[in-house]
Structure formats: structure tokens, C-alpha cells
N, C-alpha and C. Protein backbone atom coordinates (compact mmCIF):
# COMPACT_ATOMS: atom_id res chain seq x y z
N UNK A 1 3.39 12.86 2.32
CA UNK A 1 2.77 13.06 1.02
C UNK A 1 2.44 14.55 0.87
N UNK A 2 2.81 15.10 -0.24
CA UNK A 2 2.54 16.52 -0.50
C UNK A 2 1.09 16.70 -0.92
N UNK A 3 0.45 17.69 -0.31
CA UNK A 3 -0.94 18.00 -0.67
C UNK A 3 -0.94 19.02 -1.78
N UNK A 4 -1.75 18.78 -2.78
CA UNK A 4 -1.81 19.73 -3.89
C UNK A 4 -2.94 20.71 -3.66
N UNK A 5 -2.73 21.91 -4.13
CA UNK A 5 -3.74 22.96 -4.02
C UNK A 5 -4.77 22.76 -5.12
N UNK A 6 -6.02 22.78 -4.75
CA UNK A 6 -7.10 22.62 -5.73
C UNK A 6 -7.82 23.95 -5.86
N UNK A 7 -7.85 24.48 -7.07
CA UNK A 7 -8.55 25.73 -7.32
C UNK A 7 -9.80 25.41 -8.12
N UNK A 8 -10.93 25.77 -7.57
CA UNK A 8 -12.20 25.49 -8.24
C UNK A 8 -12.88 26.80 -8.60
N UNK A 9 -13.16 26.98 -9.87
CA UNK A 9 -13.87 28.17 -10.34
C UNK A 9 -15.36 27.96 -10.13
N UNK A 10 -16.03 28.88 -9.48
CA UNK A 10 -17.47 28.73 -9.30
C UNK A 10 -18.19 28.88 -10.64
N UNK A 11 -19.23 28.10 -10.81
CA UNK A 11 -20.04 28.21 -12.02
C UNK A 11 -21.17 29.18 -11.78
N UNK A 12 -21.53 29.90 -12.81
CA UNK A 12 -22.64 30.83 -12.73
C UNK A 12 -23.89 30.10 -13.21
N UNK A 13 -24.94 30.17 -12.42
CA UNK A 13 -26.20 29.51 -12.77
C UNK A 13 -26.90 30.32 -13.86
N UNK A 14 -27.33 29.63 -14.91
CA UNK A 14 -28.05 30.32 -15.98
C UNK A 14 -29.42 30.75 -15.48
N UNK A 15 -30.02 31.71 -16.18
CA UNK A 15 -31.36 32.17 -15.83
C UNK A 15 -32.36 31.02 -15.90
N UNK A 16 -32.19 30.16 -16.90
CA UNK A 16 -33.10 29.03 -17.06
C UNK A 16 -33.00 28.06 -15.88
N UNK A 17 -31.75 27.76 -15.49
CA UNK A 17 -31.56 26.84 -14.37
C UNK A 17 -32.05 27.46 -13.07
N UNK A 18 -31.84 28.75 -12.90
CA UNK A 18 -32.33 29.44 -11.71
C UNK A 18 -33.85 29.33 -11.61
N UNK A 19 -34.53 29.45 -12.75
CA UNK A 19 -35.99 29.32 -12.76
C UNK A 19 -36.42 27.91 -12.37
N UNK A 20 -35.71 26.91 -12.86
CA UNK A 20 -36.02 25.53 -12.51
C UNK A 20 -35.83 25.31 -11.01
N UNK A 21 -34.73 25.82 -10.47
CA UNK A 21 -34.46 25.65 -9.03
C UNK A 21 -35.48 26.38 -8.17
N UNK A 22 -35.88 27.58 -8.60
CA UNK A 22 -36.88 28.33 -7.84
C UNK A 22 -38.23 27.61 -7.81
N UNK A 23 -38.53 26.89 -8.88
CA UNK A 23 -39.82 26.19 -8.97
C UNK A 23 -39.85 24.93 -8.11
N UNK A 24 -38.69 24.46 -7.68
CA UNK A 24 -38.63 23.24 -6.86
C UNK A 24 -38.94 23.55 -5.40
N UNK A 25 -39.52 22.58 -4.74
CA UNK A 25 -39.71 22.70 -3.30
C UNK A 25 -38.35 22.43 -2.63
N UNK A 26 -38.17 22.82 -1.38
CA UNK A 26 -36.92 22.49 -0.69
C UNK A 26 -36.63 20.98 -0.69
N UNK A 27 -37.66 20.18 -0.50
CA UNK A 27 -37.46 18.73 -0.51
C UNK A 27 -36.99 18.24 -1.88
N UNK A 28 -37.53 18.82 -2.95
CA UNK A 28 -37.10 18.44 -4.30
C UNK A 28 -35.64 18.84 -4.54
N UNK A 29 -35.25 20.00 -4.05
CA UNK A 29 -33.85 20.43 -4.20
C UNK A 29 -32.90 19.50 -3.46
N UNK A 30 -33.29 19.11 -2.26
CA UNK A 30 -32.45 18.19 -1.49
C UNK A 30 -32.35 16.84 -2.18
N UNK A 31 -33.46 16.33 -2.69
CA UNK A 31 -33.44 15.05 -3.39
C UNK A 31 -32.59 15.13 -4.65
N UNK A 32 -32.65 16.25 -5.36
CA UNK A 32 -31.83 16.45 -6.55
C UNK A 32 -30.34 16.43 -6.17
N UNK A 33 -30.00 17.09 -5.10
CA UNK A 33 -28.62 17.10 -4.62
C UNK A 33 -28.17 15.69 -4.24
N UNK A 34 -29.03 14.96 -3.53
CA UNK A 34 -28.69 13.59 -3.14
C UNK A 34 -28.45 12.71 -4.37
N UNK A 35 -29.29 12.88 -5.39
CA UNK A 35 -29.13 12.08 -6.61
C UNK A 35 -27.82 12.41 -7.32
N UNK A 36 -27.47 13.70 -7.37
CA UNK A 36 -26.20 14.09 -7.99
C UNK A 36 -25.02 13.55 -7.21
N UNK A 37 -25.11 13.57 -5.87
CA UNK A 37 -24.04 13.04 -5.01
C UNK A 37 -23.86 11.54 -5.26
N UNK A 38 -24.97 10.80 -5.28
CA UNK A 38 -24.88 9.36 -5.53
C UNK A 38 -24.28 9.08 -6.91
N UNK A 39 -24.67 9.85 -7.91
CA UNK A 39 -24.15 9.67 -9.26
C UNK A 39 -22.64 9.94 -9.30
N UNK A 40 -22.20 11.01 -8.64
CA UNK A 40 -20.77 11.32 -8.62
C UNK A 40 -19.98 10.22 -7.92
N UNK A 41 -20.52 9.68 -6.83
CA UNK A 41 -19.86 8.59 -6.12
C UNK A 41 -19.76 7.35 -7.01
N UNK A 42 -20.81 7.07 -7.76
CA UNK A 42 -20.81 5.93 -8.67
C UNK A 42 -19.74 6.08 -9.74
N UNK A 43 -19.63 7.29 -10.31
CA UNK A 43 -18.62 7.53 -11.35
C UNK A 43 -17.21 7.41 -10.80
N UNK A 44 -16.97 8.01 -9.64
CA UNK A 44 -15.63 7.96 -9.04
C UNK A 44 -15.27 6.52 -8.70
N UNK A 45 -16.21 5.79 -8.09
CA UNK A 45 -15.97 4.39 -7.72
C UNK A 45 -15.65 3.55 -8.96
N UNK A 46 -16.39 3.76 -10.05
CA UNK A 46 -16.14 3.01 -11.28
C UNK A 46 -14.76 3.32 -11.84
N UNK A 47 -14.37 4.59 -11.77
CA UNK A 47 -13.04 4.97 -12.24
C UNK A 47 -11.93 4.33 -11.42
N UNK A 48 -12.10 4.32 -10.10
CA UNK A 48 -11.10 3.68 -9.22
C UNK A 48 -11.02 2.19 -9.52
N UNK A 49 -12.16 1.54 -9.69
CA UNK A 49 -12.15 0.10 -9.98
C UNK A 49 -11.48 -0.20 -11.32
N UNK A 50 -11.69 0.68 -12.31
CA UNK A 50 -11.04 0.48 -13.61
C UNK A 50 -9.52 0.64 -13.49
N UNK A 51 -9.10 1.63 -12.70
CA UNK A 51 -7.66 1.88 -12.54
C UNK A 51 -6.98 0.83 -11.66
N UNK A 52 -7.74 0.25 -10.73
CA UNK A 52 -7.16 -0.69 -9.76
C UNK A 52 -8.07 -1.91 -9.60
N UNK A 53 -8.16 -2.76 -10.61
CA UNK A 53 -9.08 -3.91 -10.54
C UNK A 53 -8.71 -4.92 -9.45
N UNK A 54 -7.47 -4.87 -8.97
CA UNK A 54 -7.02 -5.81 -7.94
C UNK A 54 -7.34 -5.35 -6.52
N UNK A 55 -7.82 -4.12 -6.33
CA UNK A 55 -8.09 -3.60 -5.00
C UNK A 55 -9.37 -4.21 -4.43
N UNK A 56 -9.37 -4.42 -3.11
CA UNK A 56 -10.60 -4.89 -2.46
C UNK A 56 -11.54 -3.70 -2.20
N UNK A 57 -12.76 -4.02 -1.78
CA UNK A 57 -13.80 -2.99 -1.63
C UNK A 57 -13.41 -1.93 -0.60
N UNK A 58 -12.74 -2.34 0.46
CA UNK A 58 -12.32 -1.40 1.49
C UNK A 58 -11.34 -0.37 0.94
N UNK A 59 -10.39 -0.83 0.16
CA UNK A 59 -9.40 0.08 -0.42
C UNK A 59 -10.04 1.01 -1.45
N UNK A 60 -10.97 0.48 -2.24
CA UNK A 60 -11.69 1.31 -3.22
C UNK A 60 -12.47 2.40 -2.48
N UNK A 61 -13.17 2.02 -1.42
CA UNK A 61 -13.95 2.99 -0.65
C UNK A 61 -13.06 4.08 -0.07
N UNK A 62 -11.90 3.70 0.45
CA UNK A 62 -10.97 4.69 1.00
C UNK A 62 -10.49 5.64 -0.09
N UNK A 63 -10.19 5.12 -1.27
CA UNK A 63 -9.71 5.97 -2.36
C UNK A 63 -10.80 6.91 -2.85
N UNK A 64 -12.04 6.43 -2.91
CA UNK A 64 -13.16 7.30 -3.29
C UNK A 64 -13.27 8.45 -2.30
N UNK A 65 -13.19 8.14 -1.01
CA UNK A 65 -13.27 9.18 0.02
C UNK A 65 -12.12 10.17 -0.11
N UNK A 66 -10.92 9.66 -0.39
CA UNK A 66 -9.75 10.54 -0.55
C UNK A 66 -9.94 11.49 -1.72
N UNK A 67 -10.45 10.97 -2.82
CA UNK A 67 -10.65 11.82 -4.00
C UNK A 67 -11.74 12.86 -3.77
N UNK A 68 -12.80 12.46 -3.11
CA UNK A 68 -13.89 13.40 -2.82
C UNK A 68 -13.40 14.51 -1.90
N UNK A 69 -12.51 14.15 -0.97
CA UNK A 69 -11.98 15.12 -0.01
C UNK A 69 -10.75 15.86 -0.56
N UNK A 70 -10.48 15.73 -1.84
CA UNK A 70 -9.33 16.36 -2.50
C UNK A 70 -8.02 15.99 -1.81
N UNK A 71 -7.91 14.73 -1.42
CA UNK A 71 -6.67 14.24 -0.85
C UNK A 71 -6.53 14.43 0.65
N UNK A 72 -7.51 15.01 1.30
CA UNK A 72 -7.38 15.25 2.74
C UNK A 72 -7.86 14.07 3.58
N UNK A 73 -8.44 13.06 2.94
CA UNK A 73 -8.93 11.89 3.70
C UNK A 73 -7.84 10.84 3.81
């Protein structure tokens, strides 16, 4: 299987967002990151299930991991 090159442009944090992040404690920042990660996993999993309703949970989980790893899983 051919691996595709993924180019990701970094986003610049706005001044407003930087102020919000600075005001957070380290624990709050980590919890925010965890919440975003869980949300992204939920969206990806829902998309895989919509595209492949016949797949079992194990196959869905593998596909979610593959997509998160940009095809390297």
C-alpha cells in the first residue's frame, strides 16, 4: 500500500486564545487537550461507522487508529 504524504500547515494562535491559554493552569490545559482528543476520536469513529456500517467494533477501532496515525497504523 502506498503511503501518502500529509502536509499540515501550523495554525497561528490568536492573541485572544493565547490569553485564554495563559490564564489556564497546567492541569486545565491538559484536561482541555484530553477533551479535544476524545471529541476528535468520537467524530472519526462516527464517520467510519457511517462509511462502513457492516464493520465490527474491532475493525472500526483499527481504522480510527489508522486515520489518526495518517495511515501508518
